[in-house]
Amino acid sequence: MAALPGTRRAVAVRSVAVVVDTLDEPEALVAYAALLGREAVPFAFSRRDYVLFGDALLTTLQAALEPAWSQALHDAWVEAYTLVVSI
């Protein structure tokens, strides 16, 4: 599945949705992350962009999932985000 063309915001939002949809399919997740990395080149995301987005994602998820949010969920999201960004 290709990332949506357009703004950086559209890419980010679509990326989160695809990651969530493929969490139980490691091969699909890795393939999407690789595709996303190739398609993100024109947007020139910096390391700082990834850090800021990751922080915002965790904050948003925590707020949306309270009171079910836990350290285990936090750690799982950090692991998933780190994997996607590293690919």
C-alpha atoms as a PDB file:
ATOM      1  CA  MET A   1       0.000   0.000   0.000  1.00  0.00           C
ATOM      2  CA  ALA A   2       1.482   3.345  -0.995  1.00  0.00           C
ATOM      3  CA  ALA A   3       1.566   6.396   1.201  1.00  0.00           C
ATOM      4  CA  LEU A   4      -0.780   9.192   0.255  1.00  0.00           C
ATOM      5  CA  PRO A   5       0.754  11.928  -1.839  1.00  0.00           C
ATOM      6  CA  GLY A   6       0.394  15.415  -0.520  1.00  0.00           C
ATOM      7  CA  THR A   7       1.269  17.148   2.663  1.00  0.00           C
ATOM      8  CA  ARG A   8       3.562  15.900   5.376  1.00  0.00           C
ATOM      9  CA  ARG A   9       0.509  15.727   7.644  1.00  0.00           C
ATOM     10  CA  ALA A  10      -1.337  13.425   5.236  1.00  0.00           C
ATOM     11  CA  VAL A  11       1.689  11.144   5.053  1.00  0.00           C
ATOM     12  CA  ALA A  12       1.990  11.043   8.842  1.00  0.00           C
ATOM     13  CA  VAL A  13      -1.694  10.338   9.466  1.00  0.00           C
ATOM     14  CA  ARG A  14      -1.895   7.657   6.788  1.00  0.00           C
ATOM     15  CA  SER A  15       1.309   6.075   8.065  1.00  0.00           C
ATOM     16  CA  VAL A  16      -0.043   5.696  11.590  1.00  0.00           C
ATOM     17  CA  ALA A  17      -3.214   4.082  10.248  1.00  0.00           C
ATOM     18  CA  VAL A  18      -1.273   1.585   8.149  1.00  0.00           C
ATOM     19  CA  VAL A  19       1.090   0.755  11.013  1.00  0.00           C
ATOM     20  CA  VAL A  20      -1.879   0.047  13.285  1.00  0.00           C
ATOM     21  CA  ASP A  21      -3.512  -2.081  10.585  1.00  0.00           C
ATOM     22  CA  THR A  22      -0.357  -4.164  10.065  1.00  0.00           C
ATOM     23  CA  LEU A  23       0.908  -4.606  13.639  1.00  0.00           C
ATOM     24  CA  ASP A  24      -0.070  -8.288  13.524  1.00  0.00           C
ATOM     25  CA  GLU A  25       1.586  -8.743  10.116  1.00  0.00           C
ATOM     26  CA  PRO A  26       5.323  -8.127  10.592  1.00  0.00           C
ATOM     27  CA  GLU A  27       6.214  -8.737   6.931  1.00  0.00           C
ATOM     28  CA  ALA A  28       3.573  -6.258   5.752  1.00  0.00           C
ATOM     29  CA  LEU A  29       4.672  -3.739   8.380  1.00  0.00           C
ATOM     30  CA  VAL A  30       8.315  -3.942   7.326  1.00  0.00           C
ATOM     31  CA  ALA A  31       7.392  -3.728   3.639  1.00  0.00           C
ATOM     32  CA  TYR A  32       5.232  -0.665   4.259  1.00  0.00           C
ATOM     33  CA  ALA A  33       7.894   1.012   6.386  1.00  0.00           C
ATOM     34  CA  ALA A  34      10.434   0.511   3.598  1.00  0.00           C
ATOM     35  CA  LEU A  35       8.024   1.942   1.027  1.00  0.00           C
ATOM     36  CA  LEU A  36       7.216   4.832   3.301  1.00  0.00           C
ATOM     37  CA  GLY A  37      10.903   5.584   3.743  1.00  0.00           C
ATOM     38  CA  ARG A  38      11.403   5.746  -0.009  1.00  0.00           C
ATOM     39  CA  GLU A  39       8.328   7.912  -0.539  1.00  0.00           C
ATOM     40  CA  ALA A  40       9.189  10.252   2.352  1.00  0.00           C
ATOM     41  CA  VAL A  41      12.481  11.345   0.773  1.00  0.00           C
ATOM     42  CA  PRO A  42      10.948  14.342  -1.056  1.00  0.00           C
ATOM     43  CA  PHE A  43       9.515  15.623   2.233  1.00  0.00           C
ATOM     44  CA  ALA A  44      13.003  15.858   3.761  1.00  0.00           C
ATOM     45  CA  PHE A  45      11.952  14.781   7.240  1.00  0.00           C
ATOM     46  CA  SER A  46      14.712  15.481   9.740  1.00  0.00           C
ATOM     47  CA  ARG A  47      15.640  13.449  12.788  1.00  0.00           C
ATOM     48  CA  ARG A  48      13.998  16.205  14.842  1.00  0.00           C
ATOM     49  CA  ASP A  49      10.749  15.748  12.854  1.00  0.00           C
ATOM     50  CA  TYR A  50      10.675  12.053  13.743  1.00  0.00           C
ATOM     51  CA  VAL A  51      11.345  12.770  17.429  1.00  0.00           C
ATOM     52  CA  LEU A  52       8.661  15.464  17.589  1.00  0.00           C
ATOM     53  CA  PHE A  53       6.129  13.309  15.759  1.00  0.00           C
ATOM     54  CA  GLY A  54       6.893  10.324  17.996  1.00  0.00           C
ATOM     55  CA  ASP A  55       6.414  12.433  21.120  1.00  0.00           C
ATOM     56  CA  ALA A  56       3.163  13.888  19.778  1.00  0.00           C
ATOM     57  CA  LEU A  57       1.919  10.431  18.816  1.00  0.00           C
ATOM     58  CA  LEU A  58       2.571   9.031  22.297  1.00  0.00           C
ATOM     59  CA  THR A  59       0.935  12.029  23.977  1.00  0.00           C
ATOM     60  CA  THR A  60      -2.122  11.743  21.728  1.00  0.00           C
ATOM     61  CA  LEU A  61      -2.459   8.007  22.242  1.00  0.00           C
ATOM     62  CA  GLN A  62      -2.153   8.384  25.997  1.00  0.00           C
ATOM     63  CA  ALA A  63      -4.843  11.078  26.077  1.00  0.00           C
ATOM     64  CA  ALA A  64      -7.166   9.082  23.814  1.00  0.00           C
ATOM     65  CA  LEU A  65      -6.753   5.787  25.624  1.00  0.00           C
ATOM     66  CA  GLU A  66      -6.936   6.939  29.248  1.00  0.00           C
ATOM     67  CA  PRO A  67      -7.578   5.262  31.624  1.00  0.00           C
ATOM     68  CA  ALA A  68      -6.496   2.109  29.775  1.00  0.00           C
ATOM     69  CA  TRP A  69      -3.075   3.602  28.934  1.00  0.00           C
ATOM     70  CA  SER A  70      -0.253   1.754  30.658  1.00  0.00           C
ATOM     71  CA  GLN A  71       3.511   1.562  30.681  1.00  0.00           C
ATOM     72  CA  ALA A  72       3.213  -1.643  28.643  1.00  0.00           C
ATOM     73  CA  LEU A  73       1.240   0.168  25.917  1.00  0.00           C
ATOM     74  CA  HIS A  74       3.711   3.030  25.977  1.00  0.00           C
ATOM     75  CA  ASP A  75       6.629   0.638  25.594  1.00  0.00           C
ATOM     76  CA  ALA A  76       4.903  -1.282  22.774  1.00  0.00           C
ATOM     77  CA  TRP A  77       4.236   1.940  20.844  1.00  0.00           C
ATOM     78  CA  VAL A  78       7.797   3.138  21.349  1.00  0.00           C
ATOM     79  CA  GLU A  79       9.047  -0.201  20.035  1.00  0.00           C
ATOM     80  CA  ALA A  80       6.728  -0.122  16.999  1.00  0.00           C
ATOM     81  CA  TYR A  81       7.545   3.501  16.186  1.00  0.00           C
ATOM     82  CA  THR A  82      11.273   2.904  16.587  1.00  0.00           C
ATOM     83  CA  LEU A  83      11.069  -0.097  14.247  1.00  0.00           C
ATOM     84  CA  VAL A  84       9.183   1.832  11.558  1.00  0.00           C
ATOM     85  CA  VAL A  85      11.483   4.853  11.760  1.00  0.00           C
ATOM     86  CA  SER A  86      14.603   2.686  11.654  1.00  0.00           C
ATOM     87  CA  ILE A  87      13.450   0.996   8.438  1.00  0.00           C
END
